[in-house]
Amino acid sequence: MTGASDGRRNVQTCLDALKRAGAAISVK
């Protein structure tokens, strides 16, 4: 990661993967 935007992008894609798997994720 080269900056904060990369970290935010990685977290968002993790949340997306969890939701695709069926997890009830409430955070952003």
PDB file of all heavy atoms in Angstrom:
ATOM      1  N   MET A   1       0.841  -1.192   0.000  1.00  0.00           N
ATOM      2  CA  MET A   1       0.000   0.000   0.000  1.00  0.00           C
ATOM      3  C   MET A   1       0.876   1.242   0.000  1.00  0.00           C
ATOM      4  O   MET A   1       1.854   1.315   0.740  1.00  0.00           O
ATOM      5  CB  MET A   1      -0.925  -0.004   1.223  1.00  0.00           C
ATOM      6  CG  MET A   1      -1.924  -1.151   1.248  1.00  0.00           C
ATOM      7  SD  MET A   1      -3.055  -1.057   2.660  1.00  0.00           S
ATOM      8  CE  MET A   1      -1.912  -1.218   4.027  1.00  0.00           C
ATOM      9  N   THR A   2       0.510   2.201  -0.799  1.00  0.00           N
ATOM     10  CA  THR A   2       1.318   3.419  -0.906  1.00  0.00           C
ATOM     11  C   THR A   2       0.656   4.632  -0.265  1.00  0.00           C
ATOM     12  O   THR A   2       1.241   5.711  -0.224  1.00  0.00           O
ATOM     13  CB  THR A   2       1.602   3.740  -2.379  1.00  0.00           C
ATOM     14  OG1 THR A   2       0.363   3.893  -3.080  1.00  0.00           O
ATOM     15  CG2 THR A   2       2.412   2.609  -3.014  1.00  0.00           C
ATOM     16  N   GLY A   3      -0.577   4.451   0.235  1.00  0.00           N
ATOM     17  CA  GLY A   3      -1.260   5.578   0.861  1.00  0.00           C
ATOM     18  C   GLY A   3      -2.556   5.143   1.510  1.00  0.00           C
ATOM     19  O   GLY A   3      -2.961   3.981   1.430  1.00  0.00           O
ATOM     20  N   ALA A   4      -3.221   6.105   2.157  1.00  0.00           N
ATOM     21  CA  ALA A   4      -4.463   5.816   2.871  1.00  0.00           C
ATOM     22  C   ALA A   4      -5.553   5.310   1.937  1.00  0.00           C
ATOM     23  O   ALA A   4      -6.381   4.485   2.324  1.00  0.00           O
ATOM     24  CB  ALA A   4      -4.942   7.062   3.609  1.00  0.00           C
ATOM     25  N   SER A   5      -5.552   5.787   0.701  1.00  0.00           N
ATOM     26  CA  SER A   5      -6.598   5.361  -0.233  1.00  0.00           C
ATOM     27  C   SER A   5      -6.484   3.876  -0.551  1.00  0.00           C
ATOM     28  O   SER A   5      -7.501   3.193  -0.737  1.00  0.00           O
ATOM     29  CB  SER A   5      -6.518   6.184  -1.521  1.00  0.00           C
ATOM     30  OG  SER A   5      -5.264   5.999  -2.164  1.00  0.00           O
ATOM     31  N   ASP A   6      -5.250   3.360  -0.590  1.00  0.00           N
ATOM     32  CA  ASP A   6      -5.063   1.926  -0.824  1.00  0.00           C
ATOM     33  C   ASP A   6      -5.615   1.115   0.343  1.00  0.00           C
ATOM     34  O   ASP A   6      -6.253   0.076   0.157  1.00  0.00           O
ATOM     35  CB  ASP A   6      -3.576   1.595  -1.017  1.00  0.00           C
ATOM     36  CG  ASP A   6      -3.034   2.101  -2.342  1.00  0.00           C
ATOM     37  OD1 ASP A   6      -3.848   2.403  -3.233  1.00  0.00           O
ATOM     38  OD2 ASP A   6      -1.794   2.204  -2.468  1.00  0.00           O
ATOM     39  N   GLY A   7      -5.363   1.591   1.556  1.00  0.00           N
ATOM     40  CA  GLY A   7      -5.878   0.896   2.730  1.00  0.00           C
ATOM     41  C   GLY A   7      -7.398   0.881   2.751  1.00  0.00           C
ATOM     42  O   GLY A   7      -8.017  -0.147   3.048  1.00  0.00           O
ATOM     43  N   ARG A   8      -8.002   2.011   2.435  1.00  0.00           N
ATOM     44  CA  ARG A   8      -9.460   2.097   2.403  1.00  0.00           C
ATOM     45  C   ARG A   8     -10.027   1.177   1.320  1.00  0.00           C
ATOM     46  O   ARG A   8     -11.044   0.513   1.515  1.00  0.00           O
ATOM     47  CB  ARG A   8      -9.889   3.538   2.151  1.00  0.00           C
ATOM     48  CG  ARG A   8     -11.382   3.787   2.321  1.00  0.00           C
ATOM     49  CD  ARG A   8     -11.724   5.252   2.154  1.00  0.00           C
ATOM     50  NE  ARG A   8     -11.080   6.080   3.181  1.00  0.00           N
ATOM     51  CZ  ARG A   8     -10.024   6.852   2.981  1.00  0.00           C
ATOM     52  NH1 ARG A   8      -9.454   6.896   1.777  1.00  0.00           N
ATOM     53  NH2 ARG A   8      -9.494   7.570   3.959  1.00  0.00           N
ATOM     54  N   ARG A   9      -9.361   1.128   0.195  1.00  0.00           N
ATOM     55  CA  ARG A   9      -9.818   0.266  -0.901  1.00  0.00           C
ATOM     56  C   ARG A   9      -9.745  -1.200  -0.490  1.00  0.00           C
ATOM     57  O   ARG A   9     -10.661  -1.982  -0.762  1.00  0.00           O
ATOM     58  CB  ARG A   9      -8.954   0.514  -2.137  1.00  0.00           C
ATOM     59  CG  ARG A   9      -9.295  -0.390  -3.325  1.00  0.00           C
ATOM     60  CD  ARG A   9      -8.380  -0.079  -4.494  1.00  0.00           C
ATOM     61  NE  ARG A   9      -8.617  -0.982  -5.605  1.00  0.00           N
ATOM     62  CZ  ARG A   9      -7.943  -0.949  -6.746  1.00  0.00           C
ATOM     63  NH1 ARG A   9      -7.005  -0.027  -6.933  1.00  0.00           N
ATOM     64  NH2 ARG A   9      -8.205  -1.803  -7.702  1.00  0.00           N
ATOM     65  N   ASN A  10      -8.651  -1.582   0.160  1.00  0.00           N
ATOM     66  CA  ASN A  10      -8.504  -2.978   0.592  1.00  0.00           C
ATOM     67  C   ASN A  10      -9.570  -3.360   1.611  1.00  0.00           C
ATOM     68  O   ASN A  10     -10.131  -4.460   1.568  1.00  0.00           O
ATOM     69  CB  ASN A  10      -7.112  -3.207   1.183  1.00  0.00           C
ATOM     70  CG  ASN A  10      -6.034  -3.254   0.107  1.00  0.00           C
ATOM     71  OD1 ASN A  10      -6.331  -3.376  -1.078  1.00  0.00           O
ATOM     72  ND2 ASN A  10      -4.787  -3.138   0.526  1.00  0.00           N
ATOM     73  N   VAL A  11      -9.848  -2.461   2.569  1.00  0.00           N
ATOM     74  CA  VAL A  11     -10.872  -2.750   3.568  1.00  0.00           C
ATOM     75  C   VAL A  11     -12.235  -2.888   2.903  1.00  0.00           C
ATOM     76  O   VAL A  11     -13.014  -3.792   3.224  1.00  0.00           O
ATOM     77  CB  VAL A  11     -10.901  -1.661   4.659  1.00  0.00           C
ATOM     78  CG1 VAL A  11     -12.130  -1.828   5.557  1.00  0.00           C
ATOM     79  CG2 VAL A  11      -9.631  -1.720   5.500  1.00  0.00           C
ATOM     80  N   GLN A  12     -12.539  -2.000   1.970  1.00  0.00           N
ATOM     81  CA  GLN A  12     -13.829  -2.054   1.289  1.00  0.00           C
ATOM     82  C   GLN A  12     -14.003  -3.364   0.528  1.00  0.00           C
ATOM     83  O   GLN A  12     -15.075  -3.969   0.537  1.00  0.00           O
ATOM     84  CB  GLN A  12     -13.978  -0.873   0.325  1.00  0.00           C
ATOM     85  CG  GLN A  12     -15.339  -0.818  -0.366  1.00  0.00           C
ATOM     86  CD  GLN A  12     -16.476  -0.699   0.629  1.00  0.00           C
ATOM     87  OE1 GLN A  12     -16.511   0.236   1.429  1.00  0.00           O
ATOM     88  NE2 GLN A  12     -17.405  -1.651   0.612  1.00  0.00           N
ATOM     89  N   THR A  13     -12.956  -3.818  -0.133  1.00  0.00           N
ATOM     90  CA  THR A  13     -13.073  -5.067  -0.879  1.00  0.00           C
ATOM     91  C   THR A  13     -13.209  -6.267   0.056  1.00  0.00           C
ATOM     92  O   THR A  13     -13.872  -7.248  -0.283  1.00  0.00           O
ATOM     93  CB  THR A  13     -11.879  -5.256  -1.827  1.00  0.00           C
ATOM     94  OG1 THR A  13     -10.658  -5.075  -1.121  1.00  0.00           O
ATOM     95  CG2 THR A  13     -11.932  -4.266  -2.971  1.00  0.00           C
ATOM     96  N   CYS A  14     -12.619  -6.178   1.238  1.00  0.00           N
ATOM     97  CA  CYS A  14     -12.819  -7.227   2.251  1.00  0.00           C
ATOM     98  C   CYS A  14     -14.283  -7.261   2.692  1.00  0.00           C
ATOM     99  O   CYS A  14     -14.894  -8.338   2.782  1.00  0.00           O
ATOM    100  CB  CYS A  14     -11.930  -6.978   3.464  1.00  0.00           C
ATOM    101  SG  CYS A  14     -10.182  -7.313   3.207  1.00  0.00           S
ATOM    102  N   LEU A  15     -14.838  -6.096   2.960  1.00  0.00           N
ATOM    103  CA  LEU A  15     -16.241  -6.022   3.370  1.00  0.00           C
ATOM    104  C   LEU A  15     -17.152  -6.558   2.268  1.00  0.00           C
ATOM    105  O   LEU A  15     -18.126  -7.268   2.545  1.00  0.00           O
ATOM    106  CB  LEU A  15     -16.618  -4.584   3.715  1.00  0.00           C
ATOM    107  CG  LEU A  15     -15.840  -3.920   4.860  1.00  0.00           C
ATOM    108  CD1 LEU A  15     -16.373  -2.511   5.115  1.00  0.00           C
ATOM    109  CD2 LEU A  15     -15.898  -4.759   6.133  1.00  0.00           C
ATOM    110  N   ASP A  16     -16.833  -6.240   1.017  1.00  0.00           N
ATOM    111  CA  ASP A  16     -17.630  -6.728  -0.108  1.00  0.00           C
ATOM    112  C   ASP A  16     -17.582  -8.258  -0.191  1.00  0.00           C
ATOM    113  O   ASP A  16     -18.600  -8.916  -0.447  1.00  0.00           O
ATOM    114  CB  ASP A  16     -17.128  -6.127  -1.422  1.00  0.00           C
ATOM    115  CG  ASP A  16     -17.414  -4.635  -1.534  1.00  0.00           C
ATOM    116  OD1 ASP A  16     -18.265  -4.132  -0.774  1.00  0.00           O
ATOM    117  OD2 ASP A  16     -16.763  -3.967  -2.361  1.00  0.00           O
ATOM    118  N   ALA A  17     -16.385  -8.822   0.017  1.00  0.00           N
ATOM    119  CA  ALA A  17     -16.245 -10.279  -0.044  1.00  0.00           C
ATOM    120  C   ALA A  17     -17.027 -10.960   1.072  1.00  0.00           C
ATOM    121  O   ALA A  17     -17.653 -11.998   0.866  1.00  0.00           O
ATOM    122  CB  ALA A  17     -14.765 -10.664   0.047  1.00  0.00           C
ATOM    123  N   LEU A  18     -16.996 -10.375   2.262  1.00  0.00           N
ATOM    124  CA  LEU A  18     -17.751 -10.931   3.388  1.00  0.00           C
ATOM    125  C   LEU A  18     -19.249 -10.899   3.107  1.00  0.00           C
ATOM    126  O   LEU A  18     -19.966 -11.863   3.390  1.00  0.00           O
ATOM    127  CB  LEU A  18     -17.428 -10.157   4.661  1.00  0.00           C
ATOM    128  CG  LEU A  18     -16.030 -10.392   5.247  1.00  0.00           C
ATOM    129  CD1 LEU A  18     -15.670  -9.293   6.236  1.00  0.00           C
ATOM    130  CD2 LEU A  18     -15.960 -11.759   5.921  1.00  0.00           C
ATOM    131  N   LYS A  19     -19.724  -9.794   2.533  1.00  0.00           N
ATOM    132  CA  LYS A  19     -21.146  -9.687   2.218  1.00  0.00           C
ATOM    133  C   LYS A  19     -21.549 -10.667   1.124  1.00  0.00           C
ATOM    134  O   LYS A  19     -22.632 -11.265   1.175  1.00  0.00           O
ATOM    135  CB  LYS A  19     -21.474  -8.251   1.802  1.00  0.00           C
ATOM    136  CG  LYS A  19     -21.383  -7.246   2.949  1.00  0.00           C
ATOM    137  CD  LYS A  19     -21.614  -5.818   2.467  1.00  0.00           C
ATOM    138  CE  LYS A  19     -21.486  -4.829   3.614  1.00  0.00           C
ATOM    139  NZ  LYS A  19     -21.660  -3.429   3.156  1.00  0.00           N
ATOM    140  N   ARG A  20     -20.669 -10.860   0.149  1.00  0.00           N
ATOM    141  CA  ARG A  20     -20.977 -11.834  -0.913  1.00  0.00           C
ATOM    142  C   ARG A  20     -21.096 -13.241  -0.336  1.00  0.00           C
ATOM    143  O   ARG A  20     -21.880 -14.065  -0.822  1.00  0.00           O
ATOM    144  CB  ARG A  20     -19.888 -11.821  -1.993  1.00  0.00           C
ATOM    145  CG  ARG A  20     -19.964 -10.666  -2.958  1.00  0.00           C
ATOM    146  CD  ARG A  20     -19.144 -10.942  -4.223  1.00  0.00           C
ATOM    147  NE  ARG A  20     -17.732 -11.131  -3.942  1.00  0.00           N
ATOM    148  CZ  ARG A  20     -16.840 -10.130  -3.867  1.00  0.00           C
ATOM    149  NH1 ARG A  20     -17.243  -8.884  -4.034  1.00  0.00           N
ATOM    150  NH2 ARG A  20     -15.573 -10.382  -3.625  1.00  0.00           N
ATOM    151  N   ALA A  21     -20.314 -13.492   0.708  1.00  0.00           N
ATOM    152  CA  ALA A  21     -20.351 -14.822   1.334  1.00  0.00           C
ATOM    153  C   ALA A  21     -21.573 -15.001   2.226  1.00  0.00           C
ATOM    154  O   ALA A  21     -21.854 -16.114   2.670  1.00  0.00           O
ATOM    155  CB  ALA A  21     -19.073 -15.039   2.154  1.00  0.00           C
ATOM    156  N   GLY A  22     -22.282 -13.897   2.512  1.00  0.00           N
ATOM    157  CA  GLY A  22     -23.488 -13.994   3.319  1.00  0.00           C
ATOM    158  C   GLY A  22     -23.377 -13.430   4.713  1.00  0.00           C
ATOM    159  O   GLY A  22     -24.303 -13.549   5.519  1.00  0.00           O
ATOM    160  N   ALA A  23     -22.240 -12.808   5.043  1.00  0.00           N
ATOM    161  CA  ALA A  23     -22.060 -12.238   6.378  1.00  0.00           C
ATOM    162  C   ALA A  23     -22.865 -10.950   6.522  1.00  0.00           C
ATOM    163  O   ALA A  23     -22.958 -10.161   5.581  1.00  0.00           O
ATOM    164  CB  ALA A  23     -20.577 -11.949   6.635  1.00  0.00           C
ATOM    165  N   ALA A  24     -23.435 -10.763   7.690  1.00  0.00           N
ATOM    166  CA  ALA A  24     -24.196  -9.541   7.974  1.00  0.00           C
ATOM    167  C   ALA A  24     -23.233  -8.494   8.515  1.00  0.00           C
ATOM    168  O   ALA A  24     -22.947  -8.437   9.714  1.00  0.00           O
ATOM    169  CB  ALA A  24     -25.296  -9.827   8.985  1.00  0.00           C
ATOM    170  N   ILE A  25     -22.691  -7.689   7.632  1.00  0.00           N
ATOM    171  CA  ILE A  25     -21.693  -6.681   7.993  1.00  0.00           C
ATOM    172  C   ILE A  25     -22.356  -5.311   8.036  1.00  0.00           C
ATOM    173  O   ILE A  25     -22.965  -4.877   7.053  1.00  0.00           O
ATOM    174  CB  ILE A  25     -20.531  -6.665   6.985  1.00  0.00           C
ATOM    175  CG1 ILE A  25     -19.871  -8.051   6.915  1.00  0.00           C
ATOM    176  CG2 ILE A  25     -19.515  -5.600   7.354  1.00  0.00           C
ATOM    177  CD1 ILE A  25     -19.266  -8.520   8.212  1.00  0.00           C
ATOM    178  N   SER A  26     -22.226  -4.630   9.170  1.00  0.00           N
ATOM    179  CA  SER A  26     -22.916  -3.348   9.348  1.00  0.00           C
ATOM    180  C   SER A  26     -21.990  -2.137   9.271  1.00  0.00           C
ATOM    181  O   SER A  26     -22.463  -1.011   9.213  1.00  0.00           O
ATOM    182  CB  SER A  26     -23.639  -3.328  10.700  1.00  0.00           C
ATOM    183  OG  SER A  26     -22.705  -3.442  11.768  1.00  0.00           O
ATOM    184  N   VAL A  27     -20.675  -2.361   9.277  1.00  0.00           N
ATOM    185  CA  VAL A  27     -19.747  -1.234   9.305  1.00  0.00           C
ATOM    186  C   VAL A  27     -19.342  -0.828   7.891  1.00  0.00           C
ATOM    187  O   VAL A  27     -19.496  -1.594   6.937  1.00  0.00           O
ATOM    188  CB  VAL A  27     -18.489  -1.565  10.136  1.00  0.00           C
ATOM    189  CG1 VAL A  27     -18.871  -1.974  11.539  1.00  0.00           C
ATOM    190  CG2 VAL A  27     -17.664  -2.656   9.462  1.00  0.00           C
ATOM    191  N   LYS A  28     -18.799   0.377   7.783  1.00  0.00           N
ATOM    192  CA  LYS A  28     -18.311   0.899   6.514  1.00  0.00           C
ATOM    193  C   LYS A  28     -16.796   1.041   6.577  1.00  0.00           C
ATOM    194  O   LYS A  28     -16.218   1.207   7.656  1.00  0.00           O
ATOM    195  CB  LYS A  28     -18.954   2.251   6.221  1.00  0.00           C
ATOM    196  CG  LYS A  28     -20.474   2.196   6.121  1.00  0.00           C
ATOM    197  CD  LYS A  28     -21.059   3.578   5.910  1.00  0.00           C
ATOM    198  CE  LYS A  28     -22.571   3.541   5.838  1.00  0.00           C
ATOM    199  NZ  LYS A  28     -23.159   4.894   5.679  1.00  0.00           N
TER     200      LYS A  28
END
